[in-house]
């Protein structure tokens, strides 16, 4: 499927609620006024804030005119009035400080990622951030999905049976998810694995309803993306418990280091192409990924992966995903055009018109 990539300089806004320990001192310099905190991260009590790493364990924080900065201990009961027009929204450069310890751990994942083509990250987001994400996903499904075109919302049955909804594309038509493409934690993980600055495609949502009969064929994502070099990673977050019964994702370790496999029409809407020569030797190498809500799998664009049918009579298998490509990637336009022809042919055969 087609994916849209934002410009690297795009901006974003997020509030952070991780405890601070103390205020060190006020500062004035570089045209701004603010305060220096000591602690792990920061929180904005009544508005957005900007921060840059100032020293070991310290943060240099400023806010827009008349905005109050706060910390978990309530150590700053004052207004900070900068002398410069600080932007209200985070930029890619301003928010990379977030979750510094987590980012260090992300870099430690790269050897396994390079070796196997996938890694697991437990509880990527803080509980409040995960709850916010699921809230907006529920809102999007309730309020936005009824108006989206059929090429962006796929059902096991049809739109008259909303419980059979199984795949959503281009969630960034909604303002929250457009901003979410630049979330600092997701971006930090992707950059640690890809090894260069990244850009995020539009977010996606996946589901296998209870007793769904449609599996996900074995495939390699970059057969769809057509990116050269293949510096691209998919981050797939479980929204509920995922195991073998309700169709967890399975990976073939090391497959990303081998040539791209041939693909052919799969007959599965949303995964139009599957590996045509996948056999028992491949299946013997499959590694299932059992996840809890908020856990993430990160896989390379050439890693073979698949999922079976949902055998549970009661449990959905829902996930939220974003694809990040390195800035060095260029799309092979000829290969992508061939892929688009195949996608449109399959959609037309199923009666879906753009």
C-alpha atoms as a PDB file:
ATOM      1  CA  UNK A   1       0.000   0.000   0.000  1.00  0.00           C
ATOM      2  CA  UNK A   2       1.089   3.597  -0.507  1.00  0.00           C
ATOM      3  CA  UNK A   3       2.626   5.391   2.455  1.00  0.00           C
ATOM      4  CA  UNK A   4       3.090   9.103   2.982  1.00  0.00           C
ATOM      5  CA  UNK A   5       6.220  10.502   4.615  1.00  0.00           C
ATOM      6  CA  UNK A   6       6.349  13.917   6.341  1.00  0.00           C
ATOM      7  CA  UNK A   7       9.157  16.385   6.079  1.00  0.00           C
ATOM      8  CA  UNK A   8      11.851  15.905   8.768  1.00  0.00           C
ATOM      9  CA  UNK A   9      11.364  19.438  10.101  1.00  0.00           C
ATOM     10  CA  UNK A  10       7.688  18.957  10.958  1.00  0.00           C
ATOM     11  CA  UNK A  11       6.600  19.825  14.481  1.00  0.00           C
ATOM     12  CA  UNK A  12       4.689  18.070  17.210  1.00  0.00           C
ATOM     13  CA  UNK A  13       3.165  18.631  20.646  1.00  0.00           C
ATOM     14  CA  UNK A  14       3.077  16.348  23.652  1.00  0.00           C
ATOM     15  CA  UNK A  15       2.694  16.723  27.391  1.00  0.00           C
ATOM     16  CA  UNK A  16       4.980  14.738  29.667  1.00  0.00           C
ATOM     17  CA  UNK A  17       4.179  13.632  33.188  1.00  0.00           C
ATOM     18  CA  UNK A  18       7.362  12.167  34.634  1.00  0.00           C
ATOM     19  CA  UNK A  19       8.419  13.379  38.045  1.00  0.00           C
ATOM     20  CA  UNK A  20      11.026  16.065  38.621  1.00  0.00           C
ATOM     21  CA  UNK A  21      13.156  16.325  41.731  1.00  0.00           C
ATOM     22  CA  UNK A  22      14.161  19.958  42.145  1.00  0.00           C
ATOM     23  CA  UNK A  23      14.634  23.358  40.568  1.00  0.00           C
ATOM     24  CA  UNK A  24      18.315  24.290  40.351  1.00  0.00           C
ATOM     25  CA  UNK A  25      18.250  27.902  39.197  1.00  0.00           C
ATOM     26  CA  UNK A  26      16.701  30.370  36.785  1.00  0.00           C
ATOM     27  CA  UNK A  27      18.587  31.140  33.581  1.00  0.00           C
ATOM     28  CA  UNK A  28      18.670  33.844  30.972  1.00  0.00           C
ATOM     29  CA  UNK A  29      20.521  33.449  27.732  1.00  0.00           C
ATOM     30  CA  UNK A  30      20.186  32.745  24.027  1.00  0.00           C
ATOM     31  CA  UNK A  31      17.300  35.232  24.024  1.00  0.00           C
ATOM     32  CA  UNK A  32      15.168  33.191  26.435  1.00  0.00           C
ATOM     33  CA  UNK A  33      14.458  32.996  30.125  1.00  0.00           C
ATOM     34  CA  UNK A  34      13.507  29.887  32.043  1.00  0.00           C
ATOM     35  CA  UNK A  35      14.611  27.511  34.763  1.00  0.00           C
ATOM     36  CA  UNK A  36      16.973  24.582  35.140  1.00  0.00           C
ATOM     37  CA  UNK A  37      15.543  21.398  36.646  1.00  0.00           C
ATOM     38  CA  UNK A  38      17.369  18.391  37.977  1.00  0.00           C
ATOM     39  CA  UNK A  39      15.594  15.127  37.297  1.00  0.00           C
ATOM     40  CA  UNK A  40      14.680  12.549  34.724  1.00  0.00           C
ATOM     41  CA  UNK A  41      12.212  14.530  32.642  1.00  0.00           C
ATOM     42  CA  UNK A  42       9.633  17.271  32.897  1.00  0.00           C
ATOM     43  CA  UNK A  43       5.956  17.966  33.051  1.00  0.00           C
ATOM     44  CA  UNK A  44       3.873  20.843  31.717  1.00  0.00           C
ATOM     45  CA  UNK A  45       1.197  21.815  34.226  1.00  0.00           C
ATOM     46  CA  UNK A  46      -0.783  24.330  32.174  1.00  0.00           C
ATOM     47  CA  UNK A  47       0.702  24.336  28.709  1.00  0.00           C
ATOM     48  CA  UNK A  48       3.378  23.116  26.381  1.00  0.00           C
ATOM     49  CA  UNK A  49       7.022  23.544  27.324  1.00  0.00           C
ATOM     50  CA  UNK A  50      10.341  23.301  25.558  1.00  0.00           C
ATOM     51  CA  UNK A  51      13.454  21.789  27.028  1.00  0.00           C
ATOM     52  CA  UNK A  52      17.026  21.053  26.066  1.00  0.00           C
ATOM     53  CA  UNK A  53      19.616  18.933  27.835  1.00  0.00           C
ATOM     54  CA  UNK A  54      21.724  21.369  29.873  1.00  0.00           C
ATOM     55  CA  UNK A  55      24.006  19.194  31.967  1.00  0.00           C
ATOM     56  CA  UNK A  56      24.134  15.679  33.367  1.00  0.00           C
ATOM     57  CA  UNK A  57      20.766  15.061  34.984  1.00  0.00           C
ATOM     58  CA  UNK A  58      19.562  18.620  34.344  1.00  0.00           C
ATOM     59  CA  UNK A  59      17.109  20.178  31.882  1.00  0.00           C
ATOM     60  CA  UNK A  60      16.876  23.733  30.603  1.00  0.00           C
ATOM     61  CA  UNK A  61      13.188  24.578  30.345  1.00  0.00           C
ATOM     62  CA  UNK A  62      11.297  27.501  28.836  1.00  0.00           C
ATOM     63  CA  UNK A  63       7.660  28.211  28.105  1.00  0.00           C
ATOM     64  CA  UNK A  64       5.570  30.519  25.963  1.00  0.00           C
ATOM     65  CA  UNK A  65       4.671  33.974  27.320  1.00  0.00           C
ATOM     66  CA  UNK A  66       2.582  33.792  30.458  1.00  0.00           C
ATOM     67  CA  UNK A  67       2.635  29.997  30.621  1.00  0.00           C
ATOM     68  CA  UNK A  68       3.274  28.263  33.917  1.00  0.00           C
ATOM     69  CA  UNK A  69       5.879  25.550  34.260  1.00  0.00           C
ATOM     70  CA  UNK A  70       5.208  22.848  36.806  1.00  0.00           C
ATOM     71  CA  UNK A  71       6.833  19.750  38.202  1.00  0.00           C
ATOM     72  CA  UNK A  72       5.468  16.800  40.127  1.00  0.00           C
ATOM     73  CA  UNK A  73       6.719  18.231  43.419  1.00  0.00           C
ATOM     74  CA  UNK A  74       5.098  21.609  42.735  1.00  0.00           C
ATOM     75  CA  UNK A  75       8.474  23.259  43.105  1.00  0.00           C
ATOM     76  CA  UNK A  76       7.827  26.104  40.679  1.00  0.00           C
ATOM     77  CA  UNK A  77       4.784  28.221  41.700  1.00  0.00           C
ATOM     78  CA  UNK A  78       5.663  31.088  39.372  1.00  0.00           C
ATOM     79  CA  UNK A  79       5.197  32.411  35.866  1.00  0.00           C
ATOM     80  CA  UNK A  80       8.110  32.329  33.450  1.00  0.00           C
ATOM     81  CA  UNK A  81       8.009  35.028  30.821  1.00  0.00           C
ATOM     82  CA  UNK A  82      10.634  34.393  28.154  1.00  0.00           C
ATOM     83  CA  UNK A  83      12.118  37.274  26.280  1.00  0.00           C
ATOM     84  CA  UNK A  84      11.779  35.478  22.943  1.00  0.00           C
ATOM     85  CA  UNK A  85       8.827  34.050  21.032  1.00  0.00           C
ATOM     86  CA  UNK A  86       9.338  30.418  22.023  1.00  0.00           C
ATOM     87  CA  UNK A  87       7.169  28.141  19.839  1.00  0.00           C
ATOM     88  CA  UNK A  88       4.209  26.397  21.441  1.00  0.00           C
ATOM     89  CA  UNK A  89       4.875  23.103  19.706  1.00  0.00           C
ATOM     90  CA  UNK A  90       7.788  20.740  20.040  1.00  0.00           C
ATOM     91  CA  UNK A  91      10.147  20.441  17.116  1.00  0.00           C
ATOM     92  CA  UNK A  92      12.131  17.349  16.268  1.00  0.00           C
ATOM     93  CA  UNK A  93      15.266  18.953  17.672  1.00  0.00           C
ATOM     94  CA  UNK A  94      13.650  20.175  20.880  1.00  0.00           C
ATOM     95  CA  UNK A  95      12.061  16.983  22.088  1.00  0.00           C
ATOM     96  CA  UNK A  96      14.758  14.424  21.457  1.00  0.00           C
ATOM     97  CA  UNK A  97      15.752  14.716  25.114  1.00  0.00           C
ATOM     98  CA  UNK A  98      12.630  12.796  26.134  1.00  0.00           C
ATOM     99  CA  UNK A  99      13.095   9.424  27.812  1.00  0.00           C
ATOM    100  CA  UNK A 100      16.904   9.738  27.674  1.00  0.00           C
ATOM    101  CA  UNK A 101      17.440   6.555  29.648  1.00  0.00           C
ATOM    102  CA  UNK A 102      15.054   4.669  27.371  1.00  0.00           C
ATOM    103  CA  UNK A 103      16.893   5.916  24.313  1.00  0.00           C
ATOM    104  CA  UNK A 104      20.150   4.551  25.718  1.00  0.00           C
ATOM    105  CA  UNK A 105      18.460   1.192  26.166  1.00  0.00           C
ATOM    106  CA  UNK A 106      17.148   1.388  22.612  1.00  0.00           C
ATOM    107  CA  UNK A 107      20.698   1.578  21.287  1.00  0.00           C
ATOM    108  CA  UNK A 108      21.516  -1.602  23.185  1.00  0.00           C
ATOM    109  CA  UNK A 109      18.881  -3.398  21.078  1.00  0.00           C
ATOM    110  CA  UNK A 110      20.610  -2.763  17.772  1.00  0.00           C
ATOM    111  CA  UNK A 111      22.973  -5.796  17.756  1.00  0.00           C
ATOM    112  CA  UNK A 112      20.037  -8.196  18.175  1.00  0.00           C
ATOM    113  CA  UNK A 113      18.009  -6.250  15.617  1.00  0.00           C
ATOM    114  CA  UNK A 114      20.851  -6.402  13.092  1.00  0.00           C
ATOM    115  CA  UNK A 115      21.316 -10.125  13.733  1.00  0.00           C
ATOM    116  CA  UNK A 116      17.701 -11.324  13.813  1.00  0.00           C
ATOM    117  CA  UNK A 117      15.810  -8.624  11.950  1.00  0.00           C
ATOM    118  CA  UNK A 118      13.422  -8.011  14.851  1.00  0.00           C
ATOM    119  CA  UNK A 119      13.410  -7.187  18.571  1.00  0.00           C
ATOM    120  CA  UNK A 120      10.810  -6.940  21.337  1.00  0.00           C
ATOM    121  CA  UNK A 121      10.438  -3.839  23.511  1.00  0.00           C
ATOM    122  CA  UNK A 122       8.354  -4.263  26.634  1.00  0.00           C
ATOM    123  CA  UNK A 123       6.104  -1.367  27.695  1.00  0.00           C
ATOM    124  CA  UNK A 124       7.383   1.252  25.290  1.00  0.00           C
ATOM    125  CA  UNK A 125       5.120   3.977  26.677  1.00  0.00           C
ATOM    126  CA  UNK A 126       4.291   5.158  30.173  1.00  0.00           C
ATOM    127  CA  UNK A 127       0.841   4.037  31.346  1.00  0.00           C
ATOM    128  CA  UNK A 128      -0.710   7.464  30.811  1.00  0.00           C
ATOM    129  CA  UNK A 129       0.670   7.754  27.293  1.00  0.00           C
ATOM    130  CA  UNK A 130      -0.634   4.301  26.389  1.00  0.00           C
ATOM    131  CA  UNK A 131      -4.072   5.173  27.772  1.00  0.00           C
ATOM    132  CA  UNK A 132      -4.096   8.387  25.722  1.00  0.00           C
ATOM    133  CA  UNK A 133      -3.240   6.468  22.563  1.00  0.00           C
ATOM    134  CA  UNK A 134      -5.979   3.876  23.073  1.00  0.00           C
ATOM    135  CA  UNK A 135      -8.487   6.639  23.877  1.00  0.00           C
ATOM    136  CA  UNK A 136      -7.800   8.361  20.562  1.00  0.00           C
ATOM    137  CA  UNK A 137      -7.911   5.082  18.661  1.00  0.00           C
ATOM    138  CA  UNK A 138     -11.352   4.372  20.128  1.00  0.00           C
ATOM    139  CA  UNK A 139     -12.456   7.911  19.240  1.00  0.00           C
ATOM    140  CA  UNK A 140     -11.154   7.578  15.691  1.00  0.00           C
ATOM    141  CA  UNK A 141     -12.963   4.280  15.149  1.00  0.00           C
ATOM    142  CA  UNK A 142     -16.184   5.674  16.606  1.00  0.00           C
ATOM    143  CA  UNK A 143     -16.225   9.131  15.013  1.00  0.00           C
ATOM    144  CA  UNK A 144     -13.994   9.094  11.927  1.00  0.00           C
ATOM    145  CA  UNK A 145     -14.094   5.607  10.435  1.00  0.00           C
ATOM    146  CA  UNK A 146     -17.757   5.851   9.331  1.00  0.00           C
ATOM    147  CA  UNK A 147     -16.701   8.668   6.953  1.00  0.00           C
ATOM    148  CA  UNK A 148     -13.424   7.267   5.537  1.00  0.00           C
ATOM    149  CA  UNK A 149     -13.248   5.815   2.007  1.00  0.00           C
ATOM    150  CA  UNK A 150     -13.308   2.022   1.599  1.00  0.00           C
ATOM    151  CA  UNK A 151      -9.623   2.003   0.644  1.00  0.00           C
ATOM    152  CA  UNK A 152      -8.741   3.084   4.204  1.00  0.00           C
ATOM    153  CA  UNK A 153     -10.963   0.783   6.296  1.00  0.00           C
ATOM    154  CA  UNK A 154     -11.121  -2.958   5.650  1.00  0.00           C
ATOM    155  CA  UNK A 155     -13.642  -5.360   7.169  1.00  0.00           C
ATOM    156  CA  UNK A 156     -13.902  -9.128   7.425  1.00  0.00           C
ATOM    157  CA  UNK A 157     -17.551  -8.626   6.455  1.00  0.00           C
ATOM    158  CA  UNK A 158     -18.521  -5.033   5.612  1.00  0.00           C
ATOM    159  CA  UNK A 159     -19.144  -1.609   7.153  1.00  0.00           C
ATOM    160  CA  UNK A 160     -22.605  -2.736   8.240  1.00  0.00           C
ATOM    161  CA  UNK A 161     -20.789  -5.043  10.681  1.00  0.00           C
ATOM    162  CA  UNK A 162     -18.397  -2.680  12.510  1.00  0.00           C
ATOM    163  CA  UNK A 163     -17.314  -5.478  14.842  1.00  0.00           C
ATOM    164  CA  UNK A 164     -15.585  -7.057  11.826  1.00  0.00           C
ATOM    165  CA  UNK A 165     -13.288  -4.038  11.248  1.00  0.00           C
ATOM    166  CA  UNK A 166      -9.794  -5.411  10.793  1.00  0.00           C
ATOM    167  CA  UNK A 167      -7.511  -2.786   9.246  1.00  0.00           C
ATOM    168  CA  UNK A 168      -7.208   1.013   9.096  1.00  0.00           C
ATOM    169  CA  UNK A 169      -4.793   3.067   7.014  1.00  0.00           C
ATOM    170  CA  UNK A 170      -3.882   6.762   6.994  1.00  0.00           C
ATOM    171  CA  UNK A 171      -4.979   7.571  10.509  1.00  0.00           C
ATOM    172  CA  UNK A 172      -3.128  10.850  10.045  1.00  0.00           C
ATOM    173  CA  UNK A 173      -6.258  12.364   8.470  1.00  0.00           C
ATOM    174  CA  UNK A 174      -6.953  13.030  12.176  1.00  0.00           C
ATOM    175  CA  UNK A 175      -4.925  15.828  13.835  1.00  0.00           C
ATOM    176  CA  UNK A 176      -3.908  13.738  16.840  1.00  0.00           C
ATOM    177  CA  UNK A 177      -2.399  11.001  14.689  1.00  0.00           C
ATOM    178  CA  UNK A 178      -0.766  13.472  12.318  1.00  0.00           C
ATOM    179  CA  UNK A 179       1.104  14.864  15.328  1.00  0.00           C
ATOM    180  CA  UNK A 180       1.718  11.372  16.684  1.00  0.00           C
ATOM    181  CA  UNK A 181       3.911  10.522  13.713  1.00  0.00           C
ATOM    182  CA  UNK A 182       6.613  12.595  15.415  1.00  0.00           C
ATOM    183  CA  UNK A 183       6.281  11.171  18.926  1.00  0.00           C
ATOM    184  CA  UNK A 184       9.743  11.335  20.498  1.00  0.00           C
ATOM    185  CA  UNK A 185       9.777   7.869  22.071  1.00  0.00           C
ATOM    186  CA  UNK A 186       8.724   6.061  18.918  1.00  0.00           C
ATOM    187  CA  UNK A 187      11.155   8.179  16.908  1.00  0.00           C
ATOM    188  CA  UNK A 188      14.035   7.491  19.295  1.00  0.00           C
ATOM    189  CA  UNK A 189      13.475   3.734  19.067  1.00  0.00           C
ATOM    190  CA  UNK A 190      13.306   3.827  15.278  1.00  0.00           C
ATOM    191  CA  UNK A 191      16.447   5.936  14.955  1.00  0.00           C
ATOM    192  CA  UNK A 192      18.384   3.687  17.322  1.00  0.00           C
ATOM    193  CA  UNK A 193      17.548   0.659  15.176  1.00  0.00           C
ATOM    194  CA  UNK A 194      17.825   2.222  11.722  1.00  0.00           C
ATOM    195  CA  UNK A 195      20.969   4.133  12.633  1.00  0.00           C
ATOM    196  CA  UNK A 196      20.040   7.487  11.109  1.00  0.00           C
ATOM    197  CA  UNK A 197      17.323  10.173  11.333  1.00  0.00           C
ATOM    198  CA  UNK A 198      13.925   8.860  10.318  1.00  0.00           C
ATOM    199  CA  UNK A 199      10.546   9.956   8.979  1.00  0.00           C
ATOM    200  CA  UNK A 200       7.286   8.229   9.897  1.00  0.00           C
ATOM    201  CA  UNK A 201       4.620   7.109   7.470  1.00  0.00           C
ATOM    202  CA  UNK A 202       0.952   7.434   8.344  1.00  0.00           C
ATOM    203  CA  UNK A 203      -0.105   5.372  11.402  1.00  0.00           C
ATOM    204  CA  UNK A 204      -2.076   2.164  10.948  1.00  0.00           C
ATOM    205  CA  UNK A 205      -4.365  -0.032  13.049  1.00  0.00           C
ATOM    206  CA  UNK A 206      -4.747  -3.797  12.722  1.00  0.00           C
ATOM    207  CA  UNK A 207      -7.254  -6.256  14.132  1.00  0.00           C
ATOM    208  CA  UNK A 208      -8.134  -9.911  13.862  1.00  0.00           C
ATOM    209  CA  UNK A 209     -11.661 -10.313  15.260  1.00  0.00           C
ATOM    210  CA  UNK A 210     -12.513 -13.451  17.265  1.00  0.00           C
ATOM    211  CA  UNK A 211     -12.592 -16.544  15.050  1.00  0.00           C
ATOM    212  CA  UNK A 212     -11.420 -14.502  12.085  1.00  0.00           C
ATOM    213  CA  UNK A 213     -10.615 -16.800   9.185  1.00  0.00           C
ATOM    214  CA  UNK A 214      -8.165 -14.449   7.474  1.00  0.00           C
ATOM    215  CA  UNK A 215      -4.491 -14.883   8.258  1.00  0.00           C
ATOM    216  CA  UNK A 216      -1.627 -12.587   7.280  1.00  0.00           C
ATOM    217  CA  UNK A 217       0.485 -14.165   4.526  1.00  0.00           C
ATOM    218  CA  UNK A 218       4.260 -14.409   4.919  1.00  0.00           C
ATOM    219  CA  UNK A 219       5.695 -11.267   3.410  1.00  0.00           C
ATOM    220  CA  UNK A 220       8.478  -8.689   3.542  1.00  0.00           C
ATOM    221  CA  UNK A 221       7.332  -5.107   4.092  1.00  0.00           C
ATOM    222  CA  UNK A 222       9.838  -3.577   1.726  1.00  0.00           C
ATOM    223  CA  UNK A 223       8.313  -5.492  -1.155  1.00  0.00           C
ATOM    224  CA  UNK A 224       5.440  -3.040  -0.612  1.00  0.00           C
ATOM    225  CA  UNK A 225       7.578   0.012   0.229  1.00  0.00           C
ATOM    226  CA  UNK A 226      10.213  -0.390  -2.541  1.00  0.00           C
ATOM    227  CA  UNK A 227      12.837   1.605  -0.614  1.00  0.00           C
ATOM    228  CA  UNK A 228      16.564   1.638  -1.437  1.00  0.00           C
ATOM    229  CA  UNK A 229      18.506   1.148   0.761  1.00  0.00           C
ATOM    230  CA  UNK A 230      16.114  -0.792   2.989  1.00  0.00           C
ATOM    231  CA  UNK A 231      16.724   1.335   6.094  1.00  0.00           C
ATOM    232  CA  UNK A 232      13.145   0.988   7.282  1.00  0.00           C
ATOM    233  CA  UNK A 233      11.615  -0.395  10.469  1.00  0.00           C
ATOM    234  CA  UNK A 234       8.027  -1.220  11.401  1.00  0.00           C
ATOM    235  CA  UNK A 235       7.035  -0.665  15.053  1.00  0.00           C
ATOM    236  CA  UNK A 236       3.990  -2.793  15.947  1.00  0.00           C
ATOM    237  CA  UNK A 237       2.361  -2.211  19.348  1.00  0.00           C
ATOM    238  CA  UNK A 238      -0.037  -4.713  20.917  1.00  0.00           C
ATOM    239  CA  UNK A 239      -3.214  -3.095  22.248  1.00  0.00           C
ATOM    240  CA  UNK A 240      -4.232  -6.232  24.143  1.00  0.00           C
ATOM    241  CA  UNK A 241      -2.666  -9.583  25.080  1.00  0.00           C
ATOM    242  CA  UNK A 242      -1.305 -11.375  22.012  1.00  0.00           C
ATOM    243  CA  UNK A 243      -0.293 -15.038  21.813  1.00  0.00           C
ATOM    244  CA  UNK A 244      -0.496 -18.041  19.506  1.00  0.00           C
ATOM    245  CA  UNK A 245      -4.236 -18.503  20.057  1.00  0.00           C
ATOM    246  CA  UNK A 246      -5.229 -15.052  18.810  1.00  0.00           C
ATOM    247  CA  UNK A 247      -2.667 -14.873  16.004  1.00  0.00           C
ATOM    248  CA  UNK A 248       0.558 -13.331  17.246  1.00  0.00           C
ATOM    249  CA  UNK A 249       3.070 -12.193  14.646  1.00  0.00           C
ATOM    250  CA  UNK A 250       5.731 -14.764  13.753  1.00  0.00           C
ATOM    251  CA  UNK A 251       9.170 -13.880  12.410  1.00  0.00           C
ATOM    252  CA  UNK A 252      11.825 -15.781  10.476  1.00  0.00           C
ATOM    253  CA  UNK A 253      15.085 -14.710  12.180  1.00  0.00           C
ATOM    254  CA  UNK A 254      17.862 -13.506   9.904  1.00  0.00           C
ATOM    255  CA  UNK A 255      15.684 -13.446   6.801  1.00  0.00           C
ATOM    256  CA  UNK A 256      16.386  -9.737   6.334  1.00  0.00           C
ATOM    257  CA  UNK A 257      20.003 -10.559   5.490  1.00  0.00           C
ATOM    258  CA  UNK A 258      19.021 -12.712   2.505  1.00  0.00           C
ATOM    259  CA  UNK A 259      17.781 -11.623  -0.939  1.00  0.00           C
ATOM    260  CA  UNK A 260      14.181 -10.444  -1.195  1.00  0.00           C
ATOM    261  CA  UNK A 261      11.874 -13.378  -1.851  1.00  0.00           C
ATOM    262  CA  UNK A 262       9.414 -13.543  -4.777  1.00  0.00           C
ATOM    263  CA  UNK A 263       5.883 -12.377  -3.951  1.00  0.00           C
ATOM    264  CA  UNK A 264       2.568 -13.024  -5.659  1.00  0.00           C
ATOM    265  CA  UNK A 265      -1.066 -12.038  -5.186  1.00  0.00           C
ATOM    266  CA  UNK A 266      -2.260 -13.363  -1.829  1.00  0.00           C
ATOM    267  CA  UNK A 267      -5.996 -12.753  -1.960  1.00  0.00           C
ATOM    268  CA  UNK A 268      -5.830 -11.077   1.463  1.00  0.00           C
ATOM    269  CA  UNK A 269      -7.080  -7.495   1.402  1.00  0.00           C
ATOM    270  CA  UNK A 270      -4.532  -5.201   3.045  1.00  0.00           C
ATOM    271  CA  UNK A 271      -1.701  -7.678   2.444  1.00  0.00           C
ATOM    272  CA  UNK A 272      -2.093  -8.064  -1.285  1.00  0.00           C
ATOM    273  CA  UNK A 273       1.251  -9.774  -1.893  1.00  0.00           C
ATOM    274  CA  UNK A 274       2.682 -12.796  -0.098  1.00  0.00           C
ATOM    275  CA  UNK A 275       5.861 -14.833  -0.518  1.00  0.00           C
ATOM    276  CA  UNK A 276       5.134 -17.343  -3.254  1.00  0.00           C
ATOM    277  CA  UNK A 277       7.797 -19.935  -2.385  1.00  0.00           C
ATOM    278  CA  UNK A 278       7.337 -20.025   1.403  1.00  0.00           C
ATOM    279  CA  UNK A 279       7.716 -23.623   2.515  1.00  0.00           C
ATOM    280  CA  UNK A 280       8.174 -26.051   5.442  1.00  0.00           C
ATOM    281  CA  UNK A 281      11.825 -25.101   5.922  1.00  0.00           C
ATOM    282  CA  UNK A 282      10.755 -21.494   6.476  1.00  0.00           C
ATOM    283  CA  UNK A 283       7.924 -22.483   8.804  1.00  0.00           C
ATOM    284  CA  UNK A 284      10.296 -24.466  11.017  1.00  0.00           C
ATOM    285  CA  UNK A 285      12.236 -21.279  11.765  1.00  0.00           C
ATOM    286  CA  UNK A 286       9.239 -19.155  12.786  1.00  0.00           C
ATOM    287  CA  UNK A 287       9.464 -17.422  16.166  1.00  0.00           C
ATOM    288  CA  UNK A 288       6.131 -16.406  17.784  1.00  0.00           C
ATOM    289  CA  UNK A 289       6.029 -13.080  19.644  1.00  0.00           C
ATOM    290  CA  UNK A 290       3.846 -13.117  22.751  1.00  0.00           C
ATOM    291  CA  UNK A 291       2.997  -9.584  23.863  1.00  0.00           C
ATOM    292  CA  UNK A 292       1.163  -7.725  26.592  1.00  0.00           C
ATOM    293  CA  UNK A 293      -0.659  -4.416  26.011  1.00  0.00           C
ATOM    294  CA  UNK A 294       1.923  -1.730  25.254  1.00  0.00           C
ATOM    295  CA  UNK A 295       4.656  -4.152  24.158  1.00  0.00           C
ATOM    296  CA  UNK A 296       6.216  -3.494  20.763  1.00  0.00           C
ATOM    297  CA  UNK A 297       7.872  -5.592  18.104  1.00  0.00           C
ATOM    298  CA  UNK A 298      10.277  -3.777  15.797  1.00  0.00           C
ATOM    299  CA  UNK A 299      11.126  -5.485  12.532  1.00  0.00           C
ATOM    300  CA  UNK A 300      13.355  -4.709   9.573  1.00  0.00           C
ATOM    301  CA  UNK A 301      11.741  -4.011   6.219  1.00  0.00           C
ATOM    302  CA  UNK A 302      13.100  -7.248   4.749  1.00  0.00           C
ATOM    303  CA  UNK A 303      12.294  -9.539   7.687  1.00  0.00           C
ATOM    304  CA  UNK A 304       9.823 -12.268   6.757  1.00  0.00           C
ATOM    305  CA  UNK A 305       6.806 -12.275   9.057  1.00  0.00           C
ATOM    306  CA  UNK A 306       3.261 -13.612   9.103  1.00  0.00           C
ATOM    307  CA  UNK A 307       0.308 -14.326  11.379  1.00  0.00           C
ATOM    308  CA  UNK A 308      -2.290 -17.065  11.423  1.00  0.00           C
ATOM    309  CA  UNK A 309      -6.030 -16.888  11.999  1.00  0.00           C
ATOM    310  CA  UNK A 310      -7.500 -15.844  15.347  1.00  0.00           C
ATOM    311  CA  UNK A 311      -8.664 -19.072  16.988  1.00  0.00           C
ATOM    312  CA  UNK A 312     -10.007 -17.322  20.096  1.00  0.00           C
ATOM    313  CA  UNK A 313     -13.779 -17.136  20.399  1.00  0.00           C
ATOM    314  CA  UNK A 314     -13.626 -14.090  22.679  1.00  0.00           C
ATOM    315  CA  UNK A 315     -10.433 -12.097  22.079  1.00  0.00           C
ATOM    316  CA  UNK A 316      -9.571  -9.618  19.370  1.00  0.00           C
ATOM    317  CA  UNK A 317      -5.974  -9.143  18.302  1.00  0.00           C
ATOM    318  CA  UNK A 318      -5.566  -5.390  17.943  1.00  0.00           C
ATOM    319  CA  UNK A 319      -2.389  -3.462  17.217  1.00  0.00           C
ATOM    320  CA  UNK A 320      -1.194   0.041  16.342  1.00  0.00           C
ATOM    321  CA  UNK A 321       1.763   0.416  13.994  1.00  0.00           C
ATOM    322  CA  UNK A 322       4.017   3.017  12.441  1.00  0.00           C
ATOM    323  CA  UNK A 323       6.670   2.580   9.762  1.00  0.00           C
ATOM    324  CA  UNK A 324       9.842   4.687   9.941  1.00  0.00           C
ATOM    325  CA  UNK A 325      12.256   5.053   7.050  1.00  0.00           C
ATOM    326  CA  UNK A 326      15.764   6.452   7.234  1.00  0.00           C
ATOM    327  CA  UNK A 327      16.399   9.747   5.481  1.00  0.00           C
ATOM    328  CA  UNK A 328      18.839   7.997   3.134  1.00  0.00           C
ATOM    329  CA  UNK A 329      16.039   5.893   1.605  1.00  0.00           C
ATOM    330  CA  UNK A 330      14.845   6.535  -1.921  1.00  0.00           C
ATOM    331  CA  UNK A 331      11.856   4.832  -3.489  1.00  0.00           C
ATOM    332  CA  UNK A 332      12.347   2.625  -6.529  1.00  0.00           C
ATOM    333  CA  UNK A 333       9.567   4.249  -8.530  1.00  0.00           C
ATOM    334  CA  UNK A 334       9.404   1.555 -11.201  1.00  0.00           C
ATOM    335  CA  UNK A 335       9.019  -1.230  -8.637  1.00  0.00           C
ATOM    336  CA  UNK A 336       6.496   0.817  -6.675  1.00  0.00           C
ATOM    337  CA  UNK A 337       4.425   1.467  -9.795  1.00  0.00           C
ATOM    338  CA  UNK A 338       4.279  -2.281 -10.476  1.00  0.00           C
ATOM    339  CA  UNK A 339       3.176  -2.903  -6.903  1.00  0.00           C
ATOM    340  CA  UNK A 340       0.452  -0.257  -7.133  1.00  0.00           C
ATOM    341  CA  UNK A 341      -0.931  -1.889 -10.279  1.00  0.00           C
ATOM    342  CA  UNK A 342      -1.197  -5.196  -8.396  1.00  0.00           C
ATOM    343  CA  UNK A 343      -2.932  -3.529  -5.432  1.00  0.00           C
ATOM    344  CA  UNK A 344      -5.487  -1.763  -7.607  1.00  0.00           C
ATOM    345  CA  UNK A 345      -6.186  -4.956  -9.533  1.00  0.00           C
ATOM    346  CA  UNK A 346      -6.908  -6.829  -6.319  1.00  0.00           C
ATOM    347  CA  UNK A 347      -9.112  -4.058  -4.932  1.00  0.00           C
ATOM    348  CA  UNK A 348     -11.019  -3.865  -8.198  1.00  0.00           C
ATOM    349  CA  UNK A 349     -11.578  -7.627  -8.141  1.00  0.00           C
ATOM    350  CA  UNK A 350     -13.048  -7.229  -4.649  1.00  0.00           C
ATOM    351  CA  UNK A 351     -15.301  -4.371  -5.729  1.00  0.00           C
ATOM    352  CA  UNK A 352     -13.329  -1.664  -3.892  1.00  0.00           C
ATOM    353  CA  UNK A 353     -12.903   1.618  -5.735  1.00  0.00           C
ATOM    354  CA  UNK A 354     -10.606   4.448  -4.616  1.00  0.00           C
END
